[in-house]
PDB file of N, CA and C in Angstrom:
ATOM      1  N   MET A   1      35.148 -58.732 -33.572  1.00  0.00           N
ATOM      2  CA  MET A   1      34.371 -57.598 -33.158  1.00  0.00           C
ATOM      3  C   MET A   1      32.980 -58.083 -32.756  1.00  0.00           C
ATOM      4  N   PHE A   2      32.376 -57.434 -31.785  1.00  0.00           N
ATOM      5  CA  PHE A   2      31.090 -57.837 -31.245  1.00  0.00           C
ATOM      6  C   PHE A   2      29.962 -57.011 -31.854  1.00  0.00           C
ATOM      7  N   LEU A   3      29.555 -57.378 -33.046  1.00  0.00           N
ATOM      8  CA  LEU A   3      28.398 -56.731 -33.640  1.00  0.00           C
ATOM      9  C   LEU A   3      27.708 -57.712 -34.564  1.00  0.00           C
ATOM     10  N   MET A   4      26.400 -57.556 -34.678  1.00  0.00           N
ATOM     11  CA  MET A   4      25.653 -58.424 -35.566  1.00  0.00           C
ATOM     12  C   MET A   4      25.627 -57.772 -36.946  1.00  0.00           C
ATOM     13  N   LYS A   5      26.097 -58.519 -37.926  1.00  0.00           N
ATOM     14  CA  LYS A   5      26.094 -58.039 -39.295  1.00  0.00           C
ATOM     15  C   LYS A   5      24.719 -58.281 -39.915  1.00  0.00           C
ATOM     16  N   ARG A   6      24.439 -57.554 -40.976  1.00  0.00           N
ATOM     17  CA  ARG A   6      23.143 -57.673 -41.659  1.00  0.00           C
ATOM     18  C   ARG A   6      22.883 -59.120 -42.094  1.00  0.00           C
ATOM     19  N   GLU A   7      23.901 -59.769 -42.631  1.00  0.00           N
ATOM     20  CA  GLU A   7      23.757 -61.145 -43.102  1.00  0.00           C
ATOM     21  C   GLU A   7      23.402 -62.092 -41.950  1.00  0.00           C
ATOM     22  N   GLU A   8      23.995 -61.849 -40.781  1.00  0.00           N
ATOM     23  CA  GLU A   8      23.693 -62.681 -39.607  1.00  0.00           C
ATOM     24  C   GLU A   8      22.258 -62.458 -39.139  1.00  0.00           C
ATOM     25  N   ALA A   9      21.797 -61.223 -39.200  1.00  0.00           N
ATOM     26  CA  ALA A   9      20.419 -60.925 -38.814  1.00  0.00           C
ATOM     27  C   ALA A   9      19.438 -61.609 -39.757  1.00  0.00           C
ATOM     28  N   ILE A  10      19.729 -61.587 -41.031  1.00  0.00           N
ATOM     29  CA  ILE A  10      18.861 -62.246 -42.016  1.00  0.00           C
ATOM     30  C   ILE A  10      18.878 -63.759 -41.806  1.00  0.00           C
ATOM     31  N   ALA A  11      20.044 -64.327 -41.515  1.00  0.00           N
ATOM     32  CA  ALA A  11      20.132 -65.766 -41.241  1.00  0.00           C
ATOM     33  C   ALA A  11      19.313 -66.126 -40.003  1.00  0.00           C
ATOM     34  N   LEU A  12      19.330 -65.280 -38.986  1.00  0.00           N
ATOM     35  CA  LEU A  12      18.533 -65.503 -37.783  1.00  0.00           C
ATOM     36  C   LEU A  12      17.044 -65.526 -38.126  1.00  0.00           C
ATOM     37  N   ILE A  13      16.602 -64.567 -38.916  1.00  0.00           N
ATOM     38  CA  ILE A  13      15.188 -64.496 -39.294  1.00  0.00           C
ATOM     39  C   ILE A  13      14.786 -65.739 -40.086  1.00  0.00           C
ATOM     40  N   LYS A  14      15.621 -66.159 -41.025  1.00  0.00           N
ATOM     41  CA  LYS A  14      15.327 -67.370 -41.799  1.00  0.00           C
ATOM     42  C   LYS A  14      15.227 -68.589 -40.885  1.00  0.00           C
ATOM     43  N   ASP A  15      16.131 -68.688 -39.911  1.00  0.00           N
ATOM     44  CA  ASP A  15      16.112 -69.803 -38.962  1.00  0.00           C
ATOM     45  C   ASP A  15      14.823 -69.795 -38.140  1.00  0.00           C
ATOM     46  N   MET A  16      14.364 -68.607 -37.736  1.00  0.00           N
ATOM     47  CA  MET A  16      13.114 -68.516 -36.976  1.00  0.00           C
ATOM     48  C   MET A  16      11.932 -69.004 -37.807  1.00  0.00           C
ATOM     49  N   VAL A  17      11.893 -68.620 -39.080  1.00  0.00           N
ATOM     50  CA  VAL A  17      10.789 -69.018 -39.955  1.00  0.00           C
ATOM     51  C   VAL A  17      10.767 -70.535 -40.127  1.00  0.00           C
ATOM     52  N   VAL A  18      11.942 -71.149 -40.269  1.00  0.00           N
ATOM     53  CA  VAL A  18      12.026 -72.595 -40.454  1.00  0.00           C
ATOM     54  C   VAL A  18      11.741 -73.343 -39.149  1.00  0.00           C
ATOM     55  N   SER A  19      12.258 -72.847 -38.029  1.00  0.00           N
ATOM     56  CA  SER A  19      12.189 -73.558 -36.750  1.00  0.00           C
ATOM     57  C   SER A  19      10.871 -73.387 -36.007  1.00  0.00           C
ATOM     58  N   CYS A  20      10.197 -72.284 -36.201  1.00  0.00           N
ATOM     59  CA  CYS A  20       9.003 -71.976 -35.421  1.00  0.00           C
ATOM     60  C   CYS A  20       7.763 -72.005 -36.315  1.00  0.00           C
ATOM     61  N   GLU A  21       6.862 -72.909 -36.005  1.00  0.00           N
ATOM     62  CA  GLU A  21       5.619 -72.994 -36.769  1.00  0.00           C
ATOM     63  C   GLU A  21       4.615 -71.971 -36.239  1.00  0.00           C
ATOM     64  N   ASP A  22       3.793 -71.469 -37.116  1.00  0.00           N
ATOM     65  CA  ASP A  22       2.697 -70.575 -36.753  1.00  0.00           C
ATOM     66  C   ASP A  22       3.141 -69.421 -35.863  1.00  0.00           C
ATOM     67  N   LEU A  23       4.190 -68.737 -36.281  1.00  0.00           N
ATOM     68  CA  LEU A  23       4.648 -67.582 -35.513  1.00  0.00           C
ATOM     69  C   LEU A  23       3.600 -66.483 -35.532  1.00  0.00           C
ATOM     70  N   GLY A  24       3.336 -65.932 -34.370  1.00  0.00           N
ATOM     71  CA  GLY A  24       2.417 -64.813 -34.265  1.00  0.00           C
ATOM     72  C   GLY A  24       3.159 -63.506 -34.421  1.00  0.00           C
ATOM     73  N   VAL A  25       3.788 -63.312 -35.584  1.00  0.00           N
ATOM     74  CA  VAL A  25       4.607 -62.127 -35.826  1.00  0.00           C
ATOM     75  C   VAL A  25       3.844 -61.149 -36.708  1.00  0.00           C
ATOM     76  N   LEU A  26       3.798 -59.910 -36.274  1.00  0.00           N
ATOM     77  CA  LEU A  26       3.133 -58.861 -37.048  1.00  0.00           C
ATOM     78  C   LEU A  26       4.103 -58.096 -37.930  1.00  0.00           C
ATOM     79  N   GLY A  27       5.365 -58.019 -37.514  1.00  0.00           N
ATOM     80  CA  GLY A  27       6.366 -57.302 -38.294  1.00  0.00           C
ATOM     81  C   GLY A  27       7.768 -57.546 -37.773  1.00  0.00           C
ATOM     82  N   ILE A  28       8.741 -57.464 -38.676  1.00  0.00           N
ATOM     83  CA  ILE A  28      10.152 -57.631 -38.327  1.00  0.00           C
ATOM     84  C   ILE A  28      10.918 -56.467 -38.919  1.00  0.00           C
ATOM     85  N   MET A  29      11.766 -55.842 -38.092  1.00  0.00           N
ATOM     86  CA  MET A  29      12.587 -54.727 -38.554  1.00  0.00           C
ATOM     87  C   MET A  29      14.046 -54.980 -38.192  1.00  0.00           C
ATOM     88  N   LEU A  30      14.937 -54.630 -39.105  1.00  0.00           N
ATOM     89  CA  LEU A  30      16.369 -54.617 -38.814  1.00  0.00           C
ATOM     90  C   LEU A  30      16.718 -53.181 -38.469  1.00  0.00           C
ATOM     91  N   MET A  31      17.334 -52.993 -37.307  1.00  0.00           N
ATOM     92  CA  MET A  31      17.668 -51.647 -36.846  1.00  0.00           C
ATOM     93  C   MET A  31      19.159 -51.598 -36.519  1.00  0.00           C
ATOM     94  N   LEU A  32      19.812 -50.522 -36.890  1.00  0.00           N
ATOM     95  CA  LEU A  32      21.199 -50.307 -36.473  1.00  0.00           C
ATOM     96  C   LEU A  32      21.195 -49.721 -35.074  1.00  0.00           C
ATOM     97  N   SER A  33      22.058 -50.242 -34.232  1.00  0.00           N
ATOM     98  CA  SER A  33      22.127 -49.735 -32.865  1.00  0.00           C
ATOM     99  C   SER A  33      23.432 -48.997 -32.642  1.00  0.00           C
ATOM    100  N   SER A  34      23.472 -48.288 -31.542  1.00  0.00           N
ATOM    101  CA  SER A  34      24.657 -47.547 -31.149  1.00  0.00           C
ATOM    102  C   SER A  34      25.016 -47.966 -29.731  1.00  0.00           C
ATOM    103  N   ALA A  35      26.296 -48.164 -29.479  1.00  0.00           N
ATOM    104  CA  ALA A  35      26.734 -48.559 -28.140  1.00  0.00           C
ATOM    105  C   ALA A  35      26.398 -47.500 -27.110  1.00  0.00           C
ATOM    106  N   VAL A  36      26.242 -46.262 -27.548  1.00  0.00           N
ATOM    107  CA  VAL A  36      25.899 -45.183 -26.626  1.00  0.00           C
ATOM    108  C   VAL A  36      24.468 -45.362 -26.118  1.00  0.00           C
ATOM    109  N   VAL A  37      23.573 -45.781 -27.012  1.00  0.00           N
ATOM    110  CA  VAL A  37      22.161 -45.923 -26.673  1.00  0.00           C
ATOM    111  C   VAL A  37      21.856 -47.306 -26.110  1.00  0.00           C
ATOM    112  N   ALA A  38      22.451 -48.323 -26.673  1.00  0.00           N
ATOM    113  CA  ALA A  38      22.158 -49.707 -26.282  1.00  0.00           C
ATOM    114  C   ALA A  38      23.446 -50.425 -25.930  1.00  0.00           C
ATOM    115  N   ARG A  39      23.301 -51.592 -25.334  1.00  0.00           N
ATOM    116  CA  ARG A  39      24.468 -52.406 -24.980  1.00  0.00           C
ATOM    117  C   ARG A  39      24.880 -53.297 -26.143  1.00  0.00           C
ATOM    118  N   SER A  40      24.732 -52.793 -27.368  1.00  0.00           N
ATOM    119  CA  SER A  40      25.114 -53.565 -28.541  1.00  0.00           C
ATOM    120  C   SER A  40      25.549 -52.634 -29.654  1.00  0.00           C
ATOM    121  N   GLN A  41      26.189 -53.228 -30.656  1.00  0.00           N
ATOM    122  CA  GLN A  41      26.543 -52.510 -31.869  1.00  0.00           C
ATOM    123  C   GLN A  41      26.134 -53.382 -33.037  1.00  0.00           C
ATOM    124  N   GLY A  42      25.996 -52.775 -34.189  1.00  0.00           N
ATOM    125  CA  GLY A  42      25.587 -53.526 -35.359  1.00  0.00           C
ATOM    126  C   GLY A  42      24.074 -53.563 -35.446  1.00  0.00           C
ATOM    127  N   TYR A  43      23.563 -54.609 -36.059  1.00  0.00           N
ATOM    128  CA  TYR A  43      22.121 -54.718 -36.250  1.00  0.00           C
ATOM    129  C   TYR A  43      21.428 -55.330 -35.045  1.00  0.00           C
ATOM    130  N   GLN A  44      20.205 -54.914 -34.850  1.00  0.00           N
ATOM    131  CA  GLN A  44      19.291 -55.551 -33.911  1.00  0.00           C
ATOM    132  C   GLN A  44      18.076 -55.975 -34.718  1.00  0.00           C
ATOM    133  N   VAL A  45      17.431 -57.044 -34.279  1.00  0.00           N
ATOM    134  CA  VAL A  45      16.192 -57.493 -34.900  1.00  0.00           C
ATOM    135  C   VAL A  45      15.066 -57.143 -33.936  1.00  0.00           C
ATOM    136  N   HIS A  46      14.120 -56.341 -34.393  1.00  0.00           N
ATOM    137  CA  HIS A  46      12.947 -55.964 -33.600  1.00  0.00           C
ATOM    138  C   HIS A  46      11.742 -56.689 -34.184  1.00  0.00           C
ATOM    139  N   ILE A  47      11.057 -57.456 -33.341  1.00  0.00           N
ATOM    140  CA  ILE A  47       9.924 -58.253 -33.795  1.00  0.00           C
ATOM    141  C   ILE A  47       8.675 -57.836 -33.039  1.00  0.00           C
ATOM    142  N   LYS A  48       7.684 -57.371 -33.762  1.00  0.00           N
ATOM    143  CA  LYS A  48       6.384 -57.032 -33.180  1.00  0.00           C
ATOM    144  C   LYS A  48       5.533 -58.305 -33.255  1.00  0.00           C
ATOM    145  N   THR A  49       4.978 -58.711 -32.115  1.00  0.00           N
ATOM    146  CA  THR A  49       4.256 -59.978 -32.048  1.00  0.00           C
ATOM    147  C   THR A  49       2.800 -59.783 -31.668  1.00  0.00           C
ATOM    148  N   GLU A  50       2.078 -60.888 -31.716  1.00  0.00           N
ATOM    149  CA  GLU A  50       0.700 -60.907 -31.227  1.00  0.00           C
ATOM    150  C   GLU A  50       0.665 -61.176 -29.727  1.00  0.00           C
ATOM    151  N   GLY A  51       1.840 -61.367 -29.126  1.00  0.00           N
ATOM    152  CA  GLY A  51       1.937 -61.511 -27.688  1.00  0.00           C
ATOM    153  C   GLY A  51       1.691 -62.896 -27.139  1.00  0.00           C
ATOM    154  N   ASP A  52       1.700 -63.922 -28.000  1.00  0.00           N
ATOM    155  CA  ASP A  52       1.455 -65.259 -27.467  1.00  0.00           C
ATOM    156  C   ASP A  52       2.756 -65.907 -26.972  1.00  0.00           C
ATOM    157  N   GLU A  53       2.628 -66.711 -25.954  1.00  0.00           N
ATOM    158  CA  GLU A  53       3.783 -67.328 -25.278  1.00  0.00           C
ATOM    159  C   GLU A  53       4.581 -68.221 -26.218  1.00  0.00           C
ATOM    160  N   HIS A  54       3.911 -68.955 -27.101  1.00  0.00           N
ATOM    161  CA  HIS A  54       4.599 -69.836 -28.056  1.00  0.00           C
ATOM    162  C   HIS A  54       5.611 -69.043 -28.890  1.00  0.00           C
ATOM    163  N   THR A  55       5.211 -67.884 -29.348  1.00  0.00           N
ATOM    164  CA  THR A  55       6.094 -67.047 -30.165  1.00  0.00           C
ATOM    165  C   THR A  55       7.296 -66.582 -29.358  1.00  0.00           C
ATOM    166  N   PHE A  56       7.067 -66.099 -28.133  1.00  0.00           N
ATOM    167  CA  PHE A  56       8.168 -65.649 -27.280  1.00  0.00           C
ATOM    168  C   PHE A  56       9.182 -66.772 -27.043  1.00  0.00           C
ATOM    169  N   VAL A  57       8.692 -67.944 -26.692  1.00  0.00           N
ATOM    170  CA  VAL A  57       9.566 -69.074 -26.349  1.00  0.00           C
ATOM    171  C   VAL A  57      10.355 -69.547 -27.565  1.00  0.00           C
ATOM    172  N   CYS A  58       9.685 -69.694 -28.692  1.00  0.00           N
ATOM    173  CA  CYS A  58      10.361 -70.217 -29.883  1.00  0.00           C
ATOM    174  C   CYS A  58      11.424 -69.252 -30.385  1.00  0.00           C
ATOM    175  N   ILE A  59      11.109 -67.974 -30.449  1.00  0.00           N
ATOM    176  CA  ILE A  59      12.085 -66.985 -30.915  1.00  0.00           C
ATOM    177  C   ILE A  59      13.275 -66.915 -29.962  1.00  0.00           C
ATOM    178  N   ALA A  60      13.025 -66.969 -28.667  1.00  0.00           N
ATOM    179  CA  ALA A  60      14.121 -66.946 -27.683  1.00  0.00           C
ATOM    180  C   ALA A  60      15.025 -68.164 -27.846  1.00  0.00           C
ATOM    181  N   ARG A  61      14.436 -69.319 -28.127  1.00  0.00           N
ATOM    182  CA  ARG A  61      15.218 -70.549 -28.318  1.00  0.00           C
ATOM    183  C   ARG A  61      16.124 -70.431 -29.543  1.00  0.00           C
ATOM    184  N   VAL A  62      15.596 -69.926 -30.641  1.00  0.00           N
ATOM    185  CA  VAL A  62      16.392 -69.773 -31.863  1.00  0.00           C
ATOM    186  C   VAL A  62      17.498 -68.742 -31.658  1.00  0.00           C
ATOM    187  N   ALA A  63      17.189 -67.633 -31.017  1.00  0.00           N
ATOM    188  CA  ALA A  63      18.204 -66.596 -30.768  1.00  0.00           C
ATOM    189  C   ALA A  63      19.335 -67.128 -29.888  1.00  0.00           C
ATOM    190  N   LYS A  64      18.981 -67.920 -28.883  1.00  0.00           N
ATOM    191  CA  LYS A  64      20.007 -68.498 -28.005  1.00  0.00           C
ATOM    192  C   LYS A  64      20.941 -69.401 -28.799  1.00  0.00           C
ATOM    193  N   LYS A  65      20.390 -70.132 -29.753  1.00  0.00           N
ATOM    194  CA  LYS A  65      21.198 -71.005 -30.611  1.00  0.00           C
ATOM    195  C   LYS A  65      22.231 -70.188 -31.394  1.00  0.00           C
ATOM    196  N   HIS A  66      21.910 -68.932 -31.688  1.00  0.00           N
ATOM    197  CA  HIS A  66      22.816 -68.032 -32.410  1.00  0.00           C
ATOM    198  C   HIS A  66      23.676 -67.197 -31.453  1.00  0.00           C
ATOM    199  N   ASN A  67      23.613 -67.510 -30.150  1.00  0.00           N
ATOM    200  CA  ASN A  67      24.379 -66.804 -29.114  1.00  0.00           C
ATOM    201  C   ASN A  67      24.040 -65.307 -29.058  1.00  0.00           C
ATOM    202  N   LEU A  68      22.758 -65.009 -29.156  1.00  0.00           N
ATOM    203  CA  LEU A  68      22.288 -63.635 -29.107  1.00  0.00           C
ATOM    204  C   LEU A  68      21.440 -63.414 -27.858  1.00  0.00           C
ATOM    205  N   VAL A  69      21.321 -62.168 -27.460  1.00  0.00           N
ATOM    206  CA  VAL A  69      20.527 -61.792 -26.300  1.00  0.00           C
ATOM    207  C   VAL A  69      19.115 -61.440 -26.773  1.00  0.00           C
ATOM    208  N   VAL A  70      18.131 -61.849 -25.973  1.00  0.00           N
ATOM    209  CA  VAL A  70      16.737 -61.551 -26.276  1.00  0.00           C
ATOM    210  C   VAL A  70      16.176 -60.684 -25.163  1.00  0.00           C
ATOM    211  N   CYS A  71      15.597 -59.566 -25.544  1.00  0.00           N
ATOM    212  CA  CYS A  71      14.911 -58.691 -24.606  1.00  0.00           C
ATOM    213  C   CYS A  71      13.434 -58.715 -24.994  1.00  0.00           C
ATOM    214  N   ILE A  72      12.604 -59.277 -24.112  1.00  0.00           N
ATOM    215  CA  ILE A  72      11.174 -59.376 -24.384  1.00  0.00           C
ATOM    216  C   ILE A  72      10.459 -58.273 -23.603  1.00  0.00           C
ATOM    217  N   LYS A  73       9.768 -57.438 -24.332  1.00  0.00           N
ATOM    218  CA  LYS A  73       8.983 -56.361 -23.731  1.00  0.00           C
ATOM    219  C   LYS A  73       7.516 -56.737 -23.903  1.00  0.00           C
ATOM    220  N   ARG A  74       7.018 -57.537 -22.964  1.00  0.00           N
ATOM    221  CA  ARG A  74       5.665 -58.085 -23.085  1.00  0.00           C
ATOM    222  C   ARG A  74       4.591 -56.999 -23.146  1.00  0.00           C
ATOM    223  N   GLU A  75       4.788 -55.912 -22.412  1.00  0.00           N
ATOM    224  CA  GLU A  75       3.769 -54.859 -22.403  1.00  0.00           C
ATOM    225  C   GLU A  75       3.631 -54.188 -23.771  1.00  0.00           C
ATOM    226  N   GLU A  76       4.677 -54.293 -24.611  1.00  0.00           N
ATOM    227  CA  GLU A  76       4.652 -53.720 -25.954  1.00  0.00           C
ATOM    228  C   GLU A  76       4.516 -54.796 -27.030  1.00  0.00           C
ATOM    229  N   ASP A  77       4.437 -56.072 -26.621  1.00  0.00           N
ATOM    230  CA  ASP A  77       4.429 -57.202 -27.562  1.00  0.00           C
ATOM    231  C   ASP A  77       5.600 -57.093 -28.537  1.00  0.00           C
ATOM    232  N   LEU A  78       6.786 -56.829 -27.973  1.00  0.00           N
ATOM    233  CA  LEU A  78       7.984 -56.595 -28.764  1.00  0.00           C
ATOM    234  C   LEU A  78       9.125 -57.481 -28.276  1.00  0.00           C
ATOM    235  N   ILE A  79       9.865 -58.029 -29.227  1.00  0.00           N
ATOM    236  CA  ILE A  79      11.062 -58.814 -28.935  1.00  0.00           C
ATOM    237  C   ILE A  79      12.227 -58.123 -29.631  1.00  0.00           C
ATOM    238  N   VAL A  80      13.302 -57.866 -28.893  1.00  0.00           N
ATOM    239  CA  VAL A  80      14.510 -57.261 -29.456  1.00  0.00           C
ATOM    240  C   VAL A  80      15.644 -58.267 -29.288  1.00  0.00           C
ATOM    241  N   ILE A  81      16.308 -58.566 -30.399  1.00  0.00           N
ATOM    242  CA  ILE A  81      17.402 -59.542 -30.393  1.00  0.00           C
ATOM    243  C   ILE A  81      18.667 -58.823 -30.840  1.00  0.00           C
ATOM    244  N   TYR A  82      19.764 -59.043 -30.080  1.00  0.00           N
ATOM    245  CA  TYR A  82      20.997 -58.337 -30.407  1.00  0.00           C
ATOM    246  C   TYR A  82      22.215 -59.105 -29.910  1.00  0.00           C
ATOM    247  N   GLN A  83      23.372 -58.704 -30.438  1.00  0.00           N
ATOM    248  CA  GLN A  83      24.669 -59.219 -29.997  1.00  0.00           C
ATOM    249  C   GLN A  83      25.180 -58.262 -28.939  1.00  0.00           C
ATOM    250  N   PRO A  84      25.346 -58.718 -27.693  1.00  0.00           N
ATOM    251  CA  PRO A  84      25.765 -57.797 -26.643  1.00  0.00           C
ATOM    252  C   PRO A  84      27.230 -57.397 -26.761  1.00  0.00           C
ATOM    253  N   LEU A  85      27.536 -56.224 -26.254  1.00  0.00           N
ATOM    254  CA  LEU A  85      28.919 -55.800 -26.140  1.00  0.00           C
ATOM    255  C   LEU A  85      29.592 -56.596 -25.027  1.00  0.00           C
ATOM    256  N   PRO A  86      30.898 -56.787 -25.100  1.00  0.00           N
ATOM    257  CA  PRO A  86      31.574 -57.487 -24.000  1.00  0.00           C
ATOM    258  C   PRO A  86      31.511 -56.658 -22.718  1.00  0.00           C
ATOM    259  N   GLU A  87      31.496 -57.335 -21.597  1.00  0.00           N
ATOM    260  CA  GLU A  87      31.480 -56.655 -20.297  1.00  0.00           C
ATOM    261  C   GLU A  87      32.796 -55.914 -20.092  1.00  0.00           C
ATOM    262  N   ARG A  88      32.678 -54.734 -19.505  1.00  0.00           N
ATOM    263  CA  ARG A  88      33.889 -53.956 -19.179  1.00  0.00           C
ATOM    264  C   ARG A  88      34.393 -54.371 -17.820  1.00  0.00           C
ATOM    265  N   PRO A  89      35.730 -54.439 -17.679  1.00  0.00           N
ATOM    266  CA  PRO A  89      36.295 -54.835 -16.377  1.00  0.00           C
ATOM    267  C   PRO A  89      36.094 -53.778 -15.297  1.00  0.00           C
TER     268      PRO A  89
END
């Protein structure tokens, strides 16, 4: 099934803390998503940042290692990480 479980989201956050030095993170939230609202199911990780490029790049690199999608909303200094739903034919 294509959804991020709570344990996987926590493992992702731990990996970010270990892999990325001096993260400019203001807050991290685990949010449940709905396929109706978003292109994912299960948990999403929402990260509020200070908006620095180092933070965006490092978090995106770690998420890619976990085969997750990263949506960076620079105007909101927000990073959303999720497991995408499979493409429909």
